[in-house]
């Protein structure tokens, strides 16, 4: 997957501008927190049936690319 942009949106009027899954109020940070707490994709999909596995992967890719883009000011 290279085009996470079709699944992620950033809108000032939704979740204070946090990146979210399009059409939901579920943020990328929410998905990362669920995964970090030990939930697997199947459990997330069970709790949030409006999501798809592709959207969860898009959130991970978005976060990875954002992390990779960070630079420490020297």
N, C-alpha and C. Protein backbone atom coordinates (compact mmCIF):
# COMPACT_ATOMS: atom_id res chain seq x y z
N UNK A 1 0.85 -1.18 0.00
CA UNK A 1 0.00 0.00 0.00
C UNK A 1 0.89 1.23 0.00
N UNK A 2 0.68 2.09 -0.94
CA UNK A 2 1.45 3.32 -0.98
C UNK A 2 0.58 4.56 -0.89
N UNK A 3 -0.72 4.44 -1.10
CA UNK A 3 -1.59 5.61 -1.12
C UNK A 3 -2.51 5.64 0.10
N UNK A 4 -1.93 5.91 1.26
CA UNK A 4 -2.73 6.01 2.47
C UNK A 4 -3.65 7.22 2.44
N UNK A 5 -3.36 8.20 1.58
CA UNK A 5 -4.12 9.44 1.54
C UNK A 5 -5.60 9.22 1.21
N UNK A 6 -5.92 8.16 0.53
CA UNK A 6 -7.33 7.90 0.26
C UNK A 6 -8.09 7.43 1.49
N UNK A 7 -7.38 7.12 2.58
CA UNK A 7 -8.00 6.62 3.79
C UNK A 7 -7.88 7.56 4.99
N UNK A 8 -6.95 8.50 4.93
CA UNK A 8 -6.67 9.38 6.06
C UNK A 8 -7.00 10.82 5.68
N UNK A 9 -7.62 11.54 6.60
CA UNK A 9 -7.89 12.96 6.36
C UNK A 9 -7.53 13.76 7.61
N UNK A 10 -7.17 15.01 7.37
CA UNK A 10 -6.90 15.94 8.47
C UNK A 10 -7.81 17.14 8.24
N UNK A 11 -8.74 17.32 9.17
CA UNK A 11 -9.69 18.44 9.08
C UNK A 11 -9.71 19.18 10.41
N UNK A 12 -9.61 20.48 10.35
CA UNK A 12 -9.60 21.29 11.56
C UNK A 12 -10.87 21.11 12.40
N UNK A 13 -11.98 20.78 11.75
CA UNK A 13 -13.24 20.64 12.46
C UNK A 13 -13.51 19.22 12.98
N UNK A 14 -12.54 18.35 12.85
CA UNK A 14 -12.71 16.97 13.31
C UNK A 14 -11.54 16.59 14.21
N UNK A 15 -11.86 16.24 15.45
CA UNK A 15 -10.85 15.79 16.42
C UNK A 15 -9.68 16.77 16.53
N UNK A 16 -9.98 18.05 16.47
CA UNK A 16 -8.99 19.12 16.63
C UNK A 16 -7.85 19.01 15.63
N UNK A 17 -8.16 18.55 14.42
CA UNK A 17 -7.15 18.49 13.37
C UNK A 17 -6.26 17.26 13.40
N UNK A 18 -6.62 16.28 14.23
CA UNK A 18 -5.84 15.04 14.26
C UNK A 18 -6.11 14.25 12.97
N UNK A 19 -5.12 13.54 12.48
CA UNK A 19 -5.36 12.67 11.32
C UNK A 19 -6.35 11.56 11.71
N UNK A 20 -7.40 11.40 10.90
CA UNK A 20 -8.46 10.42 11.17
C UNK A 20 -8.72 9.58 9.93
N UNK A 21 -9.33 8.43 10.16
CA UNK A 21 -9.81 7.61 9.07
C UNK A 21 -10.98 8.35 8.43
N UNK A 22 -10.95 8.52 7.13
CA UNK A 22 -12.02 9.24 6.45
C UNK A 22 -13.38 8.64 6.76
N UNK A 23 -14.34 9.53 6.98
CA UNK A 23 -15.70 9.09 7.24
C UNK A 23 -15.95 8.63 8.67
N UNK A 24 -14.93 8.75 9.53
CA UNK A 24 -15.07 8.36 10.94
C UNK A 24 -14.45 9.44 11.81
N UNK A 25 -14.58 9.27 13.10
CA UNK A 25 -13.89 10.13 14.06
C UNK A 25 -12.77 9.34 14.74
N UNK A 26 -12.38 8.24 14.14
CA UNK A 26 -11.31 7.39 14.69
C UNK A 26 -9.98 7.92 14.18
N UNK A 27 -9.13 8.33 15.12
CA UNK A 27 -7.86 8.94 14.73
C UNK A 27 -6.78 7.87 14.54
N UNK A 28 -5.75 8.27 13.83
CA UNK A 28 -4.57 7.42 13.67
C UNK A 28 -4.00 7.10 15.05
N UNK A 29 -3.98 8.10 15.94
CA UNK A 29 -3.48 7.87 17.30
C UNK A 29 -4.31 6.84 18.04
N UNK A 30 -5.64 6.84 17.83
CA UNK A 30 -6.50 5.84 18.46
C UNK A 30 -6.09 4.43 18.03
N UNK A 31 -5.87 4.28 16.73
CA UNK A 31 -5.51 2.96 16.19
C UNK A 31 -4.15 2.53 16.73
N UNK A 32 -3.19 3.45 16.75
CA UNK A 32 -1.87 3.11 17.29
C UNK A 32 -1.96 2.72 18.76
N UNK A 33 -2.78 3.43 19.52
CA UNK A 33 -2.94 3.10 20.95
C UNK A 33 -3.56 1.72 21.14
N UNK A 34 -4.54 1.40 20.31
CA UNK A 34 -5.17 0.07 20.41
C UNK A 34 -4.15 -1.03 20.12
N UNK A 35 -3.36 -0.83 19.08
CA UNK A 35 -2.34 -1.83 18.74
C UNK A 35 -1.28 -1.91 19.83
N UNK A 36 -0.88 -0.76 20.37
CA UNK A 36 0.13 -0.75 21.43
C UNK A 36 -0.37 -1.41 22.70
N UNK A 37 -1.69 -1.37 22.92
CA UNK A 37 -2.25 -1.99 24.13
C UNK A 37 -2.37 -3.51 23.99
N UNK A 38 -2.06 -4.01 22.79
CA UNK A 38 -2.08 -5.46 22.60
C UNK A 38 -3.21 -5.97 21.73
N UNK A 39 -4.09 -5.08 21.30
CA UNK A 39 -5.17 -5.52 20.41
C UNK A 39 -4.59 -5.88 19.05
N UNK A 40 -5.13 -6.90 18.43
CA UNK A 40 -4.72 -7.20 17.06
C UNK A 40 -5.78 -6.66 16.11
N UNK A 41 -5.50 -6.73 14.82
CA UNK A 41 -6.40 -6.18 13.82
C UNK A 41 -7.80 -6.76 13.94
N UNK A 42 -7.90 -8.05 14.15
CA UNK A 42 -9.21 -8.70 14.26
C UNK A 42 -10.01 -8.13 15.43
N UNK A 43 -9.36 -7.88 16.54
CA UNK A 43 -10.06 -7.33 17.71
C UNK A 43 -10.53 -5.90 17.44
N UNK A 44 -9.68 -5.12 16.78
CA UNK A 44 -10.06 -3.74 16.45
C UNK A 44 -11.27 -3.76 15.51
N UNK A 45 -11.23 -4.63 14.52
CA UNK A 45 -12.34 -4.71 13.57
C UNK A 45 -13.62 -5.19 14.24
N UNK A 46 -13.50 -6.03 15.24
CA UNK A 46 -14.67 -6.49 15.98
C UNK A 46 -15.29 -5.34 16.78
N UNK A 47 -14.43 -4.52 17.40
CA UNK A 47 -14.91 -3.40 18.21
C UNK A 47 -15.37 -2.22 17.35
N UNK A 48 -14.78 -2.08 16.17
CA UNK A 48 -15.09 -0.96 15.27
C UNK A 48 -15.40 -1.50 13.88
N UNK A 49 -16.59 -2.05 13.70
CA UNK A 49 -16.94 -2.69 12.42
C UNK A 49 -16.97 -1.72 11.23
N UNK A 50 -16.96 -0.41 11.50
CA UNK A 50 -16.92 0.55 10.41
C UNK A 50 -15.53 0.65 9.78
N UNK A 51 -14.52 0.08 10.44
CA UNK A 51 -13.16 0.07 9.90
C UNK A 51 -12.92 -1.16 9.04
N UNK A 52 -11.88 -1.06 8.23
CA UNK A 52 -11.40 -2.21 7.46
C UNK A 52 -9.93 -2.44 7.78
N UNK A 53 -9.46 -3.61 7.46
CA UNK A 53 -8.04 -3.92 7.65
C UNK A 53 -7.15 -2.98 6.86
N UNK A 54 -7.59 -2.61 5.67
CA UNK A 54 -6.81 -1.69 4.83
C UNK A 54 -6.68 -0.33 5.51
N UNK A 55 -7.74 0.13 6.16
CA UNK A 55 -7.68 1.41 6.85
C UNK A 55 -6.71 1.36 8.03
N UNK A 56 -6.67 0.25 8.73
CA UNK A 56 -5.72 0.10 9.84
C UNK A 56 -4.30 0.13 9.30
N UNK A 57 -4.05 -0.56 8.20
CA UNK A 57 -2.72 -0.52 7.59
C UNK A 57 -2.38 0.87 7.10
N UNK A 58 -3.37 1.59 6.58
CA UNK A 58 -3.14 2.97 6.12
C UNK A 58 -2.73 3.85 7.30
N UNK A 59 -3.36 3.65 8.45
CA UNK A 59 -2.99 4.42 9.64
C UNK A 59 -1.55 4.14 10.05
N UNK A 60 -1.16 2.88 9.99
CA UNK A 60 0.22 2.53 10.32
C UNK A 60 1.21 3.14 9.33
N UNK A 61 0.89 3.09 8.06
CA UNK A 61 1.76 3.67 7.05
C UNK A 61 1.84 5.18 7.22
N UNK A 62 0.71 5.84 7.49
CA UNK A 62 0.71 7.28 7.74
C UNK A 62 1.64 7.61 8.89
N UNK A 63 1.50 6.89 10.00
CA UNK A 63 2.33 7.14 11.18
C UNK A 63 3.81 6.89 10.89
N UNK A 64 4.11 5.83 10.15
CA UNK A 64 5.50 5.52 9.81
C UNK A 64 6.11 6.61 8.94
N UNK A 65 5.35 7.07 7.96
CA UNK A 65 5.87 8.12 7.08
C UNK A 65 6.04 9.43 7.82
N UNK A 66 5.10 9.73 8.72
CA UNK A 66 5.23 10.97 9.50
C UNK A 66 6.45 10.88 10.41
N UNK A 67 6.64 9.75 11.04
CA UNK A 67 7.81 9.56 11.90
C UNK A 67 9.09 9.68 11.10
N UNK A 68 9.11 9.11 9.93
CA UNK A 68 10.30 9.16 9.08
C UNK A 68 10.61 10.60 8.64
N UNK A 69 9.58 11.43 8.53
CA UNK A 69 9.76 12.80 8.08
C UNK A 69 10.25 13.73 9.20
N UNK A 70 10.16 13.29 10.44
CA UNK A 70 10.61 14.14 11.54
C UNK A 70 12.12 14.31 11.50
N UNK A 71 12.54 15.51 11.77
CA UNK A 71 13.97 15.79 11.83
C UNK A 71 14.26 16.54 13.12
N UNK A 72 15.35 16.24 13.74
CA UNK A 72 15.75 16.93 14.96
C UNK A 72 16.49 18.20 14.55
N UNK A 73 16.01 19.31 15.09
CA UNK A 73 16.68 20.59 14.80
C UNK A 73 18.02 20.61 15.52
N UNK A 74 19.04 21.04 14.80
CA UNK A 74 20.36 21.10 15.45
C UNK A 74 20.85 22.50 15.56
